[in-house]
């Protein structure tokens, strides 16, 4: 179950659990948002 505010004992398990995922779909320690490429100004 998702817990948005885990206690310290559970928080220590998060990086290990994220690393165990085969797809690495859980971002840990970095922003989950992706930056879109900069648009070029029309000529």
PDB file of N, CA and C in Angstrom:
ATOM      1  N   UNK A   1       0.838  -1.166   0.000  1.00  0.00           N
ATOM      2  CA  UNK A   1       0.000   0.000   0.000  1.00  0.00           C
ATOM      3  C   UNK A   1       0.893   1.243   0.000  1.00  0.00           C
ATOM      4  N   UNK A   2       0.499   2.246  -0.746  1.00  0.00           N
ATOM      5  CA  UNK A   2       1.252   3.495  -0.852  1.00  0.00           C
ATOM      6  C   UNK A   2       1.144   4.290   0.436  1.00  0.00           C
ATOM      7  N   UNK A   3       2.277   4.736   0.933  1.00  0.00           N
ATOM      8  CA  UNK A   3       2.328   5.580   2.125  1.00  0.00           C
ATOM      9  C   UNK A   3       3.131   6.827   1.766  1.00  0.00           C
ATOM     10  N   UNK A   4       2.469   7.981   1.605  1.00  0.00           N
ATOM     11  CA  UNK A   4       3.177   9.186   1.180  1.00  0.00           C
ATOM     12  C   UNK A   4       4.142   9.735   2.227  1.00  0.00           C
ATOM     13  N   UNK A   5       4.040   9.288   3.467  1.00  0.00           N
ATOM     14  CA  UNK A   5       4.909   9.777   4.532  1.00  0.00           C
ATOM     15  C   UNK A   5       5.358   8.604   5.407  1.00  0.00           C
ATOM     16  N   UNK A   6       6.258   7.755   4.892  1.00  0.00           N
ATOM     17  CA  UNK A   6       6.670   6.586   5.671  1.00  0.00           C
ATOM     18  C   UNK A   6       7.541   6.970   6.862  1.00  0.00           C
ATOM     19  N   UNK A   7       7.558   6.108   7.874  1.00  0.00           N
ATOM     20  CA  UNK A   7       8.438   6.372   9.007  1.00  0.00           C
ATOM     21  C   UNK A   7       9.888   6.085   8.588  1.00  0.00           C
ATOM     22  N   UNK A   8      10.833   6.408   9.457  1.00  0.00           N
ATOM     23  CA  UNK A   8      12.252   6.293   9.106  1.00  0.00           C
ATOM     24  C   UNK A   8      12.664   4.864   8.761  1.00  0.00           C
ATOM     25  N   UNK A   9      12.117   3.880   9.450  1.00  0.00           N
ATOM     26  CA  UNK A   9      12.469   2.486   9.168  1.00  0.00           C
ATOM     27  C   UNK A   9      12.036   2.097   7.754  1.00  0.00           C
ATOM     28  N   UNK A  10      10.853   2.492   7.365  1.00  0.00           N
ATOM     29  CA  UNK A  10      10.344   2.173   6.026  1.00  0.00           C
ATOM     30  C   UNK A  10      11.064   3.012   4.968  1.00  0.00           C
ATOM     31  N   UNK A  11      11.371   4.253   5.289  1.00  0.00           N
ATOM     32  CA  UNK A  11      12.051   5.148   4.345  1.00  0.00           C
ATOM     33  C   UNK A  11      13.416   4.577   3.937  1.00  0.00           C
ATOM     34  N   UNK A  12      14.101   3.911   4.842  1.00  0.00           N
ATOM     35  CA  UNK A  12      15.402   3.316   4.545  1.00  0.00           C
ATOM     36  C   UNK A  12      15.284   2.172   3.539  1.00  0.00           C
ATOM     37  N   UNK A  13      14.122   1.549   3.440  1.00  0.00           N
ATOM     38  CA  UNK A  13      13.907   0.432   2.520  1.00  0.00           C
ATOM     39  C   UNK A  13      13.591   0.888   1.099  1.00  0.00           C
ATOM     40  N   UNK A  14      13.206   2.134   0.926  1.00  0.00           N
ATOM     41  CA  UNK A  14      12.760   2.619  -0.387  1.00  0.00           C
ATOM     42  C   UNK A  14      13.837   2.513  -1.465  1.00  0.00           C
ATOM     43  N   UNK A  15      15.063   3.002  -1.257  1.00  0.00           N
ATOM     44  CA  UNK A  15      16.070   2.894  -2.323  1.00  0.00           C
ATOM     45  C   UNK A  15      16.359   1.449  -2.724  1.00  0.00           C
ATOM     46  N   UNK A  16      16.378   0.553  -1.750  1.00  0.00           N
ATOM     47  CA  UNK A  16      16.640  -0.854  -2.055  1.00  0.00           C
ATOM     48  C   UNK A  16      15.500  -1.462  -2.859  1.00  0.00           C
ATOM     49  N   UNK A  17      14.280  -1.141  -2.494  1.00  0.00           N
ATOM     50  CA  UNK A  17      13.125  -1.655  -3.221  1.00  0.00           C
ATOM     51  C   UNK A  17      13.076  -1.093  -4.637  1.00  0.00           C
ATOM     52  N   UNK A  18      13.384   0.177  -4.793  1.00  0.00           N
ATOM     53  CA  UNK A  18      13.374   0.792  -6.122  1.00  0.00           C
ATOM     54  C   UNK A  18      14.448   0.178  -7.009  1.00  0.00           C
ATOM     55  N   UNK A  19      15.614  -0.099  -6.454  1.00  0.00           N
ATOM     56  CA  UNK A  19      16.704  -0.696  -7.233  1.00  0.00           C
ATOM     57  C   UNK A  19      16.385  -2.127  -7.643  1.00  0.00           C
ATOM     58  N   UNK A  20      15.535  -2.803  -6.890  1.00  0.00           N
ATOM     59  CA  UNK A  20      15.193  -4.190  -7.196  1.00  0.00           C
ATOM     60  C   UNK A  20      14.196  -4.314  -8.343  1.00  0.00           C
ATOM     61  N   UNK A  21      13.548  -3.218  -8.708  1.00  0.00           N
ATOM     62  CA  UNK A  21      12.577  -3.255  -9.802  1.00  0.00           C
ATOM     63  C   UNK A  21      13.313  -3.468 -11.118  1.00  0.00           C
ATOM     64  N   UNK A  22      12.880  -4.401 -11.950  1.00  0.00           N
ATOM     65  CA  UNK A  22      13.593  -4.697 -13.193  1.00  0.00           C
ATOM     66  C   UNK A  22      13.601  -3.556 -14.204  1.00  0.00           C
ATOM     67  N   UNK A  23      12.611  -2.705 -14.187  1.00  0.00           N
ATOM     68  CA  UNK A  23      12.513  -1.643 -15.186  1.00  0.00           C
ATOM     69  C   UNK A  23      13.080  -0.327 -14.671  1.00  0.00           C
ATOM     70  N   UNK A  24      13.338  -0.227 -13.396  1.00  0.00           N
ATOM     71  CA  UNK A  24      13.823   1.012 -12.783  1.00  0.00           C
ATOM     72  C   UNK A  24      12.842   2.153 -13.037  1.00  0.00           C
ATOM     73  N   UNK A  25      11.559   1.867 -12.930  1.00  0.00           N
ATOM     74  CA  UNK A  25      10.517   2.850 -13.205  1.00  0.00           C
ATOM     75  C   UNK A  25      10.234   3.758 -12.020  1.00  0.00           C
ATOM     76  N   UNK A  26      10.840   3.491 -10.885  1.00  0.00           N
ATOM     77  CA  UNK A  26      10.597   4.307  -9.705  1.00  0.00           C
ATOM     78  C   UNK A  26      11.776   5.251  -9.520  1.00  0.00           C
ATOM     79  N   UNK A  27      11.616   6.541  -9.824  1.00  0.00           N
ATOM     80  CA  UNK A  27      12.727   7.475  -9.629  1.00  0.00           C
ATOM     81  C   UNK A  27      12.929   7.768  -8.146  1.00  0.00           C
ATOM     82  N   UNK A  28      14.160   7.718  -7.696  1.00  0.00           N
ATOM     83  CA  UNK A  28      14.478   7.991  -6.297  1.00  0.00           C
ATOM     84  C   UNK A  28      15.623   8.993  -6.260  1.00  0.00           C
ATOM     85  N   UNK A  29      15.415  10.087  -5.536  1.00  0.00           N
ATOM     86  CA  UNK A  29      16.472  11.061  -5.358  1.00  0.00           C
ATOM     87  C   UNK A  29      16.658  12.004  -6.528  1.00  0.00           C
ATOM     88  N   UNK A  30      15.693  12.037  -7.413  1.00  0.00           N
ATOM     89  CA  UNK A  30      15.751  12.974  -8.532  1.00  0.00           C
ATOM     90  C   UNK A  30      14.334  13.296  -8.953  1.00  0.00           C
ATOM     91  N   UNK A  31      14.176  14.327  -9.719  1.00  0.00           N
ATOM     92  CA  UNK A  31      12.855  14.758 -10.147  1.00  0.00           C
ATOM     93  C   UNK A  31      12.245  13.726 -11.079  1.00  0.00           C
ATOM     94  N   UNK A  32      10.971  13.468 -10.920  1.00  0.00           N
ATOM     95  CA  UNK A  32      10.282  12.516 -11.784  1.00  0.00           C
ATOM     96  C   UNK A  32       9.811  13.171 -13.072  1.00  0.00           C
ATOM     97  N   UNK A  33       9.907  14.479 -13.148  1.00  0.00           N
ATOM     98  CA  UNK A  33       9.450  15.162 -14.356  1.00  0.00           C
ATOM     99  C   UNK A  33      10.548  15.184 -15.393  1.00  0.00           C
ATOM    100  N   UNK A  34      10.150  15.097 -16.625  1.00  0.00           N
ATOM    101  CA  UNK A  34      11.100  15.172 -17.723  1.00  0.00           C
ATOM    102  C   UNK A  34      10.973  16.539 -18.350  1.00  0.00           C
ATOM    103  N   UNK A  35      12.084  17.067 -18.747  1.00  0.00           N
ATOM    104  CA  UNK A  35      12.084  18.381 -19.371  1.00  0.00           C
ATOM    105  C   UNK A  35      11.916  18.223 -20.870  1.00  0.00           C
ATOM    106  N   UNK A  36      11.001  18.981 -21.428  1.00  0.00           N
ATOM    107  CA  UNK A  36      10.789  18.963 -22.874  1.00  0.00           C
ATOM    108  C   UNK A  36      11.934  19.707 -23.539  1.00  0.00           C
ATOM    109  N   UNK A  37      12.290  19.297 -24.755  1.00  0.00           N
ATOM    110  CA  UNK A  37      13.351  20.021 -25.456  1.00  0.00           C
ATOM    111  C   UNK A  37      12.935  21.461 -25.712  1.00  0.00           C
ATOM    112  N   UNK A  38      13.897  22.339 -25.715  1.00  0.00           N
ATOM    113  CA  UNK A  38      13.620  23.757 -25.945  1.00  0.00           C
ATOM    114  C   UNK A  38      13.079  23.955 -27.354  1.00  0.00           C
ATOM    115  N   UNK A  39      12.065  24.774 -27.451  1.00  0.00           N
ATOM    116  CA  UNK A  39      11.497  25.069 -28.768  1.00  0.00           C
ATOM    117  C   UNK A  39      12.325  26.155 -29.436  1.00  0.00           C
ATOM    118  N   UNK A  40      12.420  26.064 -30.744  1.00  0.00           N
ATOM    119  CA  UNK A  40      13.147  27.099 -31.470  1.00  0.00           C
ATOM    120  C   UNK A  40      12.169  28.185 -31.878  1.00  0.00           C
ATOM    121  N   UNK A  41      12.642  29.415 -31.899  1.00  0.00           N
ATOM    122  CA  UNK A  41      11.805  30.551 -32.290  1.00  0.00           C
ATOM    123  C   UNK A  41      11.568  30.503 -33.797  1.00  0.00           C
ATOM    124  N   UNK A  42      10.354  30.839 -34.227  1.00  0.00           N
ATOM    125  CA  UNK A  42      10.088  30.842 -35.670  1.00  0.00           C
ATOM    126  C   UNK A  42      10.936  31.900 -36.370  1.00  0.00           C
ATOM    127  N   UNK A  43      11.346  31.603 -37.591  1.00  0.00           N
ATOM    128  CA  UNK A  43      12.200  32.533 -38.356  1.00  0.00           C
ATOM    129  C   UNK A  43      11.398  33.640 -38.967  1.00  0.00           C
TER     130      UNK A  43
END
